[in-house]
Protein backbone atom coordinates (compact mmCIF):
# COMPACT_ATOMS: atom_id res chain seq x y z
CA UNK A 1 91.77 127.98 132.99
CA UNK A 2 91.45 128.89 136.79
CA UNK A 3 92.91 130.64 138.83
CA UNK A 4 92.47 130.45 142.97
CA UNK A 5 93.90 133.13 144.76
CA UNK A 6 94.83 132.38 148.31
CA UNK A 7 95.82 135.01 151.46
CA UNK A 8 94.98 137.82 153.40
CA UNK A 9 97.41 139.00 150.72
CA UNK A 10 94.95 139.20 147.92
CA UNK A 11 93.17 142.13 147.85
CA UNK A 12 96.68 144.25 147.78
CA UNK A 13 97.69 142.03 144.89
CA UNK A 14 94.52 142.29 143.33
CA UNK A 15 94.49 144.81 140.77
CA UNK A 16 98.04 143.73 139.53
CA UNK A 17 96.58 139.94 138.90
CA UNK A 18 94.23 140.75 137.32
CA UNK A 19 95.92 143.50 134.93
CA UNK A 20 98.57 140.59 133.98
CA UNK A 21 96.29 137.92 134.02
CA UNK A 22 93.63 139.80 131.10
CA UNK A 23 95.89 142.67 129.88
CA UNK A 24 99.54 140.98 129.40
CA UNK A 25 98.20 138.21 129.36
CA UNK A 26 94.93 137.93 127.69
CA UNK A 27 94.35 135.11 129.20
CA UNK A 28 90.65 134.64 129.18
CA UNK A 29 90.28 132.57 132.45
CA UNK A 30 88.12 132.37 135.79
CA UNK A 31 89.46 133.43 139.14
CA UNK A 32 88.26 132.86 141.92
CA UNK A 33 89.10 134.12 145.89
CA UNK A 34 88.37 133.97 149.29
CA UNK A 35 86.73 136.58 151.36
CA UNK A 36 84.61 136.58 154.79
CA UNK A 37 83.52 140.27 154.56
CA UNK A 38 80.42 141.18 152.92
CA UNK A 39 81.19 144.82 152.32
CA UNK A 40 84.48 143.17 150.86
CA UNK A 41 83.20 140.78 148.70
CA UNK A 42 81.11 143.13 147.53
CA UNK A 43 83.79 145.30 146.84
CA UNK A 44 85.68 143.00 144.98
CA UNK A 45 82.94 141.37 142.79
CA UNK A 46 81.80 144.67 141.65
CA UNK A 47 85.42 145.88 140.71
CA UNK A 48 86.35 142.57 139.16
CA UNK A 49 83.14 143.02 137.30
CA UNK A 50 84.66 146.26 136.06
CA UNK A 51 87.77 144.93 135.29
CA UNK A 52 86.49 142.18 133.73
CA UNK A 53 84.33 144.16 131.52
CA UNK A 54 86.89 146.41 129.94
CA UNK A 55 88.96 143.34 129.33
CA UNK A 56 86.38 142.09 127.72
CA UNK A 57 87.01 138.67 129.02
CA UNK A 58 87.55 136.54 131.93
CA UNK A 59 85.28 136.42 135.21
CA UNK A 60 86.10 137.23 139.07
CA UNK A 61 83.90 134.90 141.52
CA UNK A 62 84.40 136.22 145.28
CA UNK A 63 83.16 132.82 147.59
CA UNK A 64 82.88 131.92 151.73
CA UNK A 65 84.30 128.56 151.21
CA UNK A 66 87.74 128.16 150.64
CA UNK A 67 86.92 124.26 149.13
CA UNK A 68 85.00 125.86 146.56
CA UNK A 69 87.23 128.38 145.67
CA UNK A 70 89.55 126.07 145.12
CA UNK A 71 87.52 123.36 142.96
CA UNK A 72 89.52 122.74 139.86
CA UNK A 73 92.04 125.35 139.90
CA UNK A 74 94.34 124.96 137.89
CA UNK A 75 97.17 127.36 139.86
CA UNK A 76 96.61 128.35 143.24
CA UNK A 77 98.29 131.59 143.66
CA UNK A 78 99.27 131.59 147.74
CA UNK A 79 99.51 134.70 149.19
CA UNK A 80 98.83 134.28 153.18
CA UNK A 81 100.09 133.87 156.42
CA UNK A 82 98.62 134.38 159.85
CA UNK A 83 98.02 137.36 161.48
CA UNK A 84 101.46 138.25 160.62
CA UNK A 85 101.79 141.58 162.15
CA UNK A 86 100.00 141.28 165.68
CA UNK A 87 102.59 137.88 165.86
CA UNK A 88 105.48 139.12 164.60
CA UNK A 89 105.02 141.83 168.10
CA UNK A 90 104.16 138.85 170.26
CA UNK A 91 107.22 137.18 169.26
CA UNK A 92 109.27 140.08 169.51
CA UNK A 93 107.76 140.82 172.87
CA UNK A 94 109.04 137.33 174.25
CA UNK A 95 112.39 137.85 172.82
CA UNK A 96 112.70 141.20 174.59
CA UNK A 97 114.83 141.31 177.77
CA UNK A 98 113.40 141.78 181.08
CA UNK A 99 115.16 145.02 182.05
CA UNK A 100 116.99 147.56 180.08
CA UNK A 101 120.15 146.09 181.13
CA UNK A 102 119.23 143.04 179.76
CA UNK A 103 118.60 142.92 176.17
CA UNK A 104 117.30 139.70 175.75
CA UNK A 105 116.90 138.34 172.18
CA UNK A 106 115.99 141.85 170.16
CA UNK A 107 118.43 140.79 167.46
CA UNK A 108 116.33 137.59 166.53
CA UNK A 109 112.85 139.44 166.45
CA UNK A 110 113.23 138.54 162.27
CA UNK A 111 110.56 138.08 159.64
CA UNK A 112 112.77 135.42 157.26
CA UNK A 113 115.68 133.98 159.51
CA UNK A 114 116.57 133.12 162.84
CA UNK A 115 113.60 132.54 165.79
CA UNK A 116 111.72 135.20 164.11
CA UNK A 117 111.94 133.39 160.96
CA UNK A 118 111.12 130.28 162.53
CA UNK A 119 108.11 131.28 164.20
CA UNK A 120 106.89 132.96 161.30
CA UNK A 121 107.90 129.01 159.28
CA UNK A 122 105.95 127.29 161.89
CA UNK A 123 102.39 129.63 161.47
CA UNK A 124 102.59 129.23 158.40
CA UNK A 125 102.85 125.77 158.17
CA UNK A 126 98.80 126.04 160.00
CA UNK A 127 97.54 127.80 156.56
CA UNK A 128 99.73 125.67 154.10
CA UNK A 129 99.44 122.54 155.35
CA UNK A 130 95.75 122.91 156.04
CA UNK A 131 95.51 124.80 152.24
CA UNK A 132 97.49 121.61 151.11
CA UNK A 133 94.97 118.90 152.41
CA UNK A 134 92.03 120.45 150.34
CA UNK A 135 93.41 121.00 147.57
CA UNK A 136 94.50 117.66 146.89
CA UNK A 137 90.98 116.67 147.15
CA UNK A 138 89.39 119.56 144.79
CA UNK A 139 92.59 120.54 142.69
CA UNK A 140 95.29 117.99 143.57
CA UNK A 141 96.83 119.13 139.64
CA UNK A 142 97.68 122.68 140.06
CA UNK A 143 100.94 124.36 140.21
CA UNK A 144 101.45 126.62 143.20
CA UNK A 145 103.15 129.59 142.39
CA UNK A 146 104.03 131.48 146.47
CA UNK A 147 105.02 134.69 147.75
CA UNK A 148 104.40 133.45 151.29
CA UNK A 149 107.29 134.51 153.50
CA UNK A 150 109.89 133.01 154.33
CA UNK A 151 109.66 131.94 150.23
CA UNK A 152 111.84 129.15 150.65
CA UNK A 153 110.27 127.11 153.58
CA UNK A 154 106.83 127.86 151.36
CA UNK A 155 108.11 126.58 148.92
CA UNK A 156 109.53 123.21 150.59
CA UNK A 157 105.98 123.29 152.50
CA UNK A 158 103.94 123.05 148.79
CA UNK A 159 106.09 121.05 147.64
CA UNK A 160 106.47 118.07 150.84
CA UNK A 161 102.56 117.85 149.82
CA UNK A 162 103.30 116.51 146.35
CA UNK A 163 102.49 120.20 144.18
CA UNK A 164 104.58 121.29 141.81
CA UNK A 165 105.87 125.15 143.71
CA UNK A 166 107.34 128.34 142.76
CA UNK A 167 107.91 130.96 144.36
CA UNK A 168 108.71 134.55 144.16
CA UNK A 169 110.17 137.30 146.34
CA UNK A 170 110.25 141.06 146.14
CA UNK A 171 113.34 140.81 144.47
CA UNK A 172 117.02 142.96 144.07
CA UNK A 173 116.26 145.46 140.96
CA UNK A 174 114.44 147.86 143.85
CA UNK A 175 115.54 149.40 147.09
CA UNK A 176 118.27 150.31 149.18
CA UNK A 177 121.17 148.06 147.86
CA UNK A 178 119.12 147.25 144.99
CA UNK A 179 120.26 147.29 141.25
CA UNK A 180 118.81 150.44 140.59
CA UNK A 181 120.32 152.04 143.80
CA UNK A 182 123.57 150.57 142.26
CA UNK A 183 122.87 151.75 139.07
CA UNK A 184 123.15 155.22 140.33
CA UNK A 185 126.33 154.85 142.27
CA UNK A 186 127.93 153.98 139.09
CA UNK A 187 125.76 156.27 137.37
CA UNK A 188 124.50 154.44 134.44
CA UNK A 189 120.98 153.29 133.51
CA UNK A 190 119.47 149.83 134.30
CA UNK A 191 118.69 149.21 131.24
CA UNK A 192 121.98 149.13 130.06
CA UNK A 193 123.44 146.76 132.27
CA UNK A 194 123.59 143.19 131.80
CA UNK A 195 123.14 142.01 135.56
CA UNK A 196 122.66 138.09 137.00
CA UNK A 197 121.84 137.61 140.65
CA UNK A 198 122.10 134.29 142.40
CA UNK A 199 121.92 132.37 145.73
CA UNK A 200 118.77 131.30 148.16
CA UNK A 201 115.46 133.22 148.30
CA UNK A 202 115.92 137.39 149.53
CA UNK A 203 119.98 136.07 150.18
CA UNK A 204 121.34 137.02 146.33
CA UNK A 205 124.16 137.94 145.74
CA UNK A 206 125.71 139.74 141.99
CA UNK A 207 127.21 137.29 139.94
CA UNK A 208 127.44 139.15 136.22
CA UNK A 209 127.51 142.48 135.60
CA UNK A 210 128.15 143.45 132.00
CA UNK A 211 127.58 146.84 129.64
CA UNK A 212 125.30 145.81 127.36
CA UNK A 213 127.34 147.66 124.43
CA UNK A 214 130.66 147.21 125.16
CA UNK A 215 130.63 143.80 126.90
CA UNK A 216 132.48 145.63 129.96
CA UNK A 217 132.65 143.75 132.98
CA UNK A 218 131.93 146.35 135.68
CA UNK A 219 132.27 143.68 138.29
CA UNK A 220 135.76 144.08 139.85
CA UNK A 221 134.27 147.55 140.11
CA UNK A 222 132.14 147.04 141.94
CA UNK A 223 133.18 144.30 143.98
CA UNK A 224 136.19 147.33 144.50
CA UNK A 225 133.43 149.70 145.65
CA UNK A 226 132.28 147.45 148.20
CA UNK A 227 135.98 146.47 149.32
CA UNK A 228 136.12 150.07 150.21
CA UNK A 229 133.06 150.22 151.78
CA UNK A 230 131.29 152.78 149.29
CA UNK A 231 128.42 150.38 149.02
CA UNK A 232 128.17 150.88 152.89
CA UNK A 233 129.62 148.22 155.96
CA UNK A 234 127.18 145.17 155.64
CA UNK A 235 127.79 144.81 151.81
CA UNK A 236 131.68 145.29 152.55
CA UNK A 237 131.53 142.63 155.39
CA UNK A 238 129.49 140.20 152.95
CA UNK A 239 132.42 140.92 150.54
CA UNK A 240 134.98 139.96 153.08
CA UNK A 241 132.66 136.85 155.06
CA UNK A 242 131.95 135.60 151.17
CA UNK A 243 133.31 136.67 148.65
CA UNK A 244 130.41 137.63 147.01
CA UNK A 245 128.85 141.07 146.30
CA UNK A 246 125.36 141.23 147.49
CA UNK A 247 122.68 143.17 145.69
CA UNK A 248 119.03 143.82 146.80
CA UNK A 249 118.25 144.90 150.56
CA UNK A 250 121.33 144.39 152.21
CA UNK A 251 119.25 144.27 155.38
CA UNK A 252 117.06 141.41 154.10
CA UNK A 253 121.02 139.19 153.79
CA UNK A 254 121.48 139.92 157.56
CA UNK A 255 117.77 137.80 158.64
CA UNK A 256 119.94 134.92 157.44
CA UNK A 257 123.01 136.13 159.27
CA UNK A 258 124.50 135.92 162.90
CA UNK A 259 123.18 138.61 164.69
CA UNK A 260 125.55 141.94 164.10
CA UNK A 261 126.36 144.38 166.46
CA UNK A 262 125.80 147.19 164.34
CA UNK A 263 122.44 146.13 163.34
CA UNK A 264 118.68 145.91 164.82
CA UNK A 265 115.81 144.59 162.71
CA UNK A 266 113.36 147.15 162.42
CA UNK A 267 110.85 147.12 165.07
CA UNK A 268 107.73 147.63 163.18
CA UNK A 269 108.45 145.94 159.52
CA UNK A 270 105.85 146.12 156.93
CA UNK A 271 104.31 143.01 157.64
CA UNK A 272 100.32 144.12 156.65
CA UNK A 273 99.20 147.27 154.72
CA UNK A 274 98.97 150.23 156.93
CA UNK A 275 95.46 151.43 158.30
CA UNK A 276 95.83 154.74 155.79
CA UNK A 277 97.21 152.31 152.53
CA UNK A 278 93.87 150.05 153.06
CA UNK A 279 91.95 153.15 152.72
CA UNK A 280 93.35 154.36 149.84
CA UNK A 281 93.27 150.77 148.05
CA UNK A 282 89.61 150.87 149.01
CA UNK A 283 88.40 154.05 147.69
CA UNK A 284 90.85 153.87 144.66
CA UNK A 285 88.71 149.90 143.37
CA UNK A 286 84.88 151.46 145.11
CA UNK A 287 85.64 154.05 141.99
CA UNK A 288 87.22 151.52 139.29
CA UNK A 289 83.88 149.74 140.71
CA UNK A 290 81.07 152.27 140.31
CA UNK A 291 82.55 154.12 137.55
CA UNK A 292 84.39 151.23 135.59
CA UNK A 293 87.56 151.70 132.84
CA UNK A 294 85.75 153.53 130.22
CA UNK A 295 85.42 156.13 132.78
CA UNK A 296 88.52 158.88 133.26
CA UNK A 297 88.05 158.88 137.10
CA UNK A 298 87.67 155.16 137.02
CA UNK A 299 90.85 155.04 134.68
CA UNK A 300 93.20 157.74 137.24
CA UNK A 301 92.26 155.44 140.23
CA UNK A 302 93.11 151.94 138.14
CA UNK A 303 96.33 153.37 137.14
CA UNK A 304 97.12 154.89 141.08
CA UNK A 305 96.60 150.57 142.26
CA UNK A 306 98.61 149.35 139.76
CA UNK A 307 101.43 152.06 140.77
CA UNK A 308 101.35 150.43 144.13
CA UNK A 309 101.61 147.19 142.91
CA UNK A 310 104.23 144.34 143.93
CA UNK A 311 107.47 143.67 142.01
CA UNK A 312 106.47 140.49 142.51
CA UNK A 313 104.14 139.23 138.97
CA UNK A 314 103.02 135.82 139.74
CA UNK A 315 100.67 135.98 136.65
CA UNK A 316 103.78 135.93 134.59
CA UNK A 317 105.08 133.26 135.71
CA UNK A 318 102.18 131.06 136.06
CA UNK A 319 100.76 131.57 132.57
CA UNK A 320 104.07 130.68 131.07
CA UNK A 321 104.11 127.64 132.88
CA UNK A 322 100.58 127.02 132.07
CA UNK A 323 100.44 127.32 128.45
CA UNK A 324 104.31 127.20 127.57
CA UNK A 325 105.48 130.04 126.57
CA UNK A 326 108.41 131.69 126.67
CA UNK A 327 110.04 133.79 129.64
CA UNK A 328 112.48 135.70 130.94
CA UNK A 329 112.97 136.33 134.72
CA UNK A 330 115.39 138.29 136.55
CA UNK A 331 114.66 136.31 139.70
CA UNK A 332 112.73 132.56 140.87
CA UNK A 333 112.31 130.75 143.52
CA UNK A 334 112.40 126.96 142.63
CA UNK A 335 114.04 123.80 143.91
CA UNK A 336 117.43 123.73 141.93
CA UNK A 337 116.83 120.12 139.48
CA UNK A 338 118.24 121.75 136.78
CA UNK A 339 121.43 123.05 138.82
CA UNK A 340 120.98 126.55 137.52
CA UNK A 341 123.14 127.14 140.92
CA UNK A 342 125.94 124.94 139.75
CA UNK A 343 127.86 124.22 142.61
CA UNK A 344 124.22 123.44 144.78
CA UNK A 345 122.35 120.50 145.51
CA UNK A 346 119.18 119.19 143.07
CA UNK A 347 117.25 119.66 146.78
CA UNK A 348 118.51 123.08 147.56
CA UNK A 349 115.94 125.95 147.46
CA UNK A 350 117.37 128.33 144.99
CA UNK A 351 116.45 132.34 143.95
CA UNK A 352 117.99 132.66 140.44
CA UNK A 353 117.12 134.02 137.42
CA UNK A 354 114.98 132.22 134.76
CA UNK A 355 114.83 131.36 131.32
CA UNK A 356 111.79 129.31 129.85
CA UNK A 357 111.71 128.28 125.82
CA UNK A 358 108.48 127.03 125.43
CA UNK A 359 108.00 126.27 128.89
CA UNK A 360 110.73 124.38 129.42
CA UNK A 361 113.62 125.61 132.04
CA UNK A 362 116.94 127.09 129.76
CA UNK A 363 118.60 128.73 131.98
CA UNK A 364 122.26 129.33 131.96
CA UNK A 365 124.15 127.71 135.19
CA UNK A 366 125.68 130.18 137.34
CA UNK A 367 128.69 129.21 140.01
CA UNK A 368 128.64 130.82 143.34
CA UNK A 369 132.12 131.54 145.34
CA UNK A 370 132.76 129.17 147.31
CA UNK A 371 132.42 130.24 150.89
CA UNK A 372 129.29 131.75 149.42
CA UNK A 373 127.91 128.15 148.59
CA UNK A 374 129.45 126.34 152.05
CA UNK A 375 127.36 129.23 153.73
CA UNK A 376 123.94 128.33 151.14
CA UNK A 377 124.07 124.54 152.06
CA UNK A 378 123.21 125.54 155.97
CA UNK A 379 121.11 128.05 155.35
CA UNK A 380 119.01 125.75 153.37
CA UNK A 381 119.52 122.95 155.54
CA UNK A 382 117.89 124.97 158.30
CA UNK A 383 115.05 125.74 155.95
CA UNK A 384 114.34 122.46 155.18
CA UNK A 385 114.06 121.53 159.16
CA UNK A 386 112.17 124.59 159.39
CA UNK A 387 109.63 123.71 156.87
CA UNK A 388 109.85 119.78 158.37
CA UNK A 389 109.25 121.51 162.11
CA UNK A 390 106.41 122.99 161.12
CA UNK A 391 104.49 119.80 160.11
CA UNK A 392 105.12 119.55 164.22
CA UNK A 393 108.58 117.21 163.67
CA UNK A 394 110.10 118.66 166.78
CA UNK A 395 113.59 116.54 166.28
CA UNK A 396 113.22 118.53 163.04
CA UNK A 397 112.78 122.13 165.37
CA UNK A 398 116.22 121.15 167.20
CA UNK A 399 117.83 120.06 164.50
CA UNK A 400 116.79 123.85 163.06
CA UNK A 401 117.94 125.41 166.01
CA UNK A 402 121.52 123.35 165.99
CA UNK A 403 122.18 124.42 162.74
CA UNK A 404 120.87 127.60 162.25
CA UNK A 405 123.72 129.95 160.75
CA UNK A 406 121.30 133.04 162.31
CA UNK A 407 121.96 131.33 165.74
CA UNK A 408 125.44 131.73 165.93
CA UNK A 409 127.60 132.88 169.42
CA UNK A 410 123.68 131.88 171.18
CA UNK A 411 124.02 129.32 173.48
CA UNK A 412 121.62 126.63 170.97
CA UNK A 413 120.08 124.51 173.94
CA UNK A 414 118.36 127.76 175.46
CA UNK A 415 117.34 128.99 171.97
CA UNK A 416 115.46 125.57 172.14
CA UNK A 417 113.64 126.06 175.05
CA UNK A 418 113.02 129.73 174.01
CA UNK A 419 111.96 128.11 171.14
CA UNK A 420 109.70 126.03 172.54
CA UNK A 421 108.12 128.46 174.92
CA UNK A 422 107.54 130.92 172.49
CA UNK A 423 105.86 127.37 170.39
CA UNK A 424 103.69 127.38 173.66
CA UNK A 425 102.93 130.84 173.70
CA UNK A 426 101.37 130.86 169.91
CA UNK A 427 99.61 127.58 170.96
CA UNK A 428 96.04 128.45 169.87
CA UNK A 429 96.83 128.79 166.20
CA UNK A 430 99.91 126.58 165.86
CA UNK A 431 97.33 123.04 166.31
CA UNK A 432 100.35 120.68 165.27
CA UNK A 433 102.27 121.49 168.11
CA UNK A 434 99.34 120.60 170.87
CA UNK A 435 100.53 120.61 174.43
CA UNK A 436 103.56 118.48 174.59
CA UNK A 437 106.58 119.88 175.24
CA UNK A 438 109.98 118.27 173.64
CA UNK A 439 110.75 114.42 175.07
CA UNK A 440 107.20 113.86 176.21
CA UNK A 441 104.52 111.31 175.32
CA UNK A 442 101.79 112.23 172.68
């Protein structure tokens, strides 16, 4: 079995990916990745050799050629983006007003929805479609697990090229507004609750919350707290508007909604590893590479690397799908073909609990409140249109701007003009758009 790891975030994810593959899943697999920098390639190779040596199985191959890394892969894990942080700041500057009195469209400098999310999607298309072209030649049957944001749209892109694709987000257990945060408010341990949530990627809402021992339904109590504003103004607003209790980072939900007077997107979202974190990671990986995992110092460095691991565990999902294992996850992103969200269509890309039995999905269906389901239809259609736009389809781009709920209250013709100007601004990397404007001949 072979796993190909693609994208600039792979070095950050590598410790957890290898630990899950060789120690948790115990798969004697080949792993390949691409790294152009010779020093970093040497570090990751030595680190991988140390981990494989401790596991007594598997091998890591660092390559300079992407096609070679992909060749005969059974699974491609994608965690990429094109110059995420620098390009986001270009977007933000372009959306800022010309003067202090002119606020511009800064509230559209987002990372998932609105204009910012659309521009990010177009840039993802440049990475993903070229990757798919190579995959069709050297690993046409590969399973794809994408962590690339916006996840709904990257799932749609890989799927449009004929690949079976699943996605993972950062989840809704940790962080402000997450389950662990909510449990502190309720003064109960998360392990004592049966919590389920569903919706769209990074736009999920509580569907069930019960005490495992008493079977008491706690959702009415949480709805009451939310209605009184005790879980935050935005959560209260979503309840009033959608008849549903948001779960997970509340700001993620705002990304897909019209601009809110009391909310501005982050000026410095965590789109890339900080310099300090990168230096620390390199130091820890180098210690493992030099000392090995039989050495106490090497073990301590490995534990520190794993302590920083992302909550998204793509190897766990991939292993279950490839080997036919049983699996339960709080959330996984996929097409709604099994109607796990009962009142959304089968072509919707949803985030919902996942139960696999011998590799086949047996997830219990969940139903969203009607107002929430109605909004999800528009958000999902926007995502599909944005994914098509990333291929260079200008009619899809126009439809996306016309439909997107995140652009509510804005002049859509003006927004389309802004988006076209921003696409031209990124023309050095948006090769599928060329130099033509909408309505011009190619």
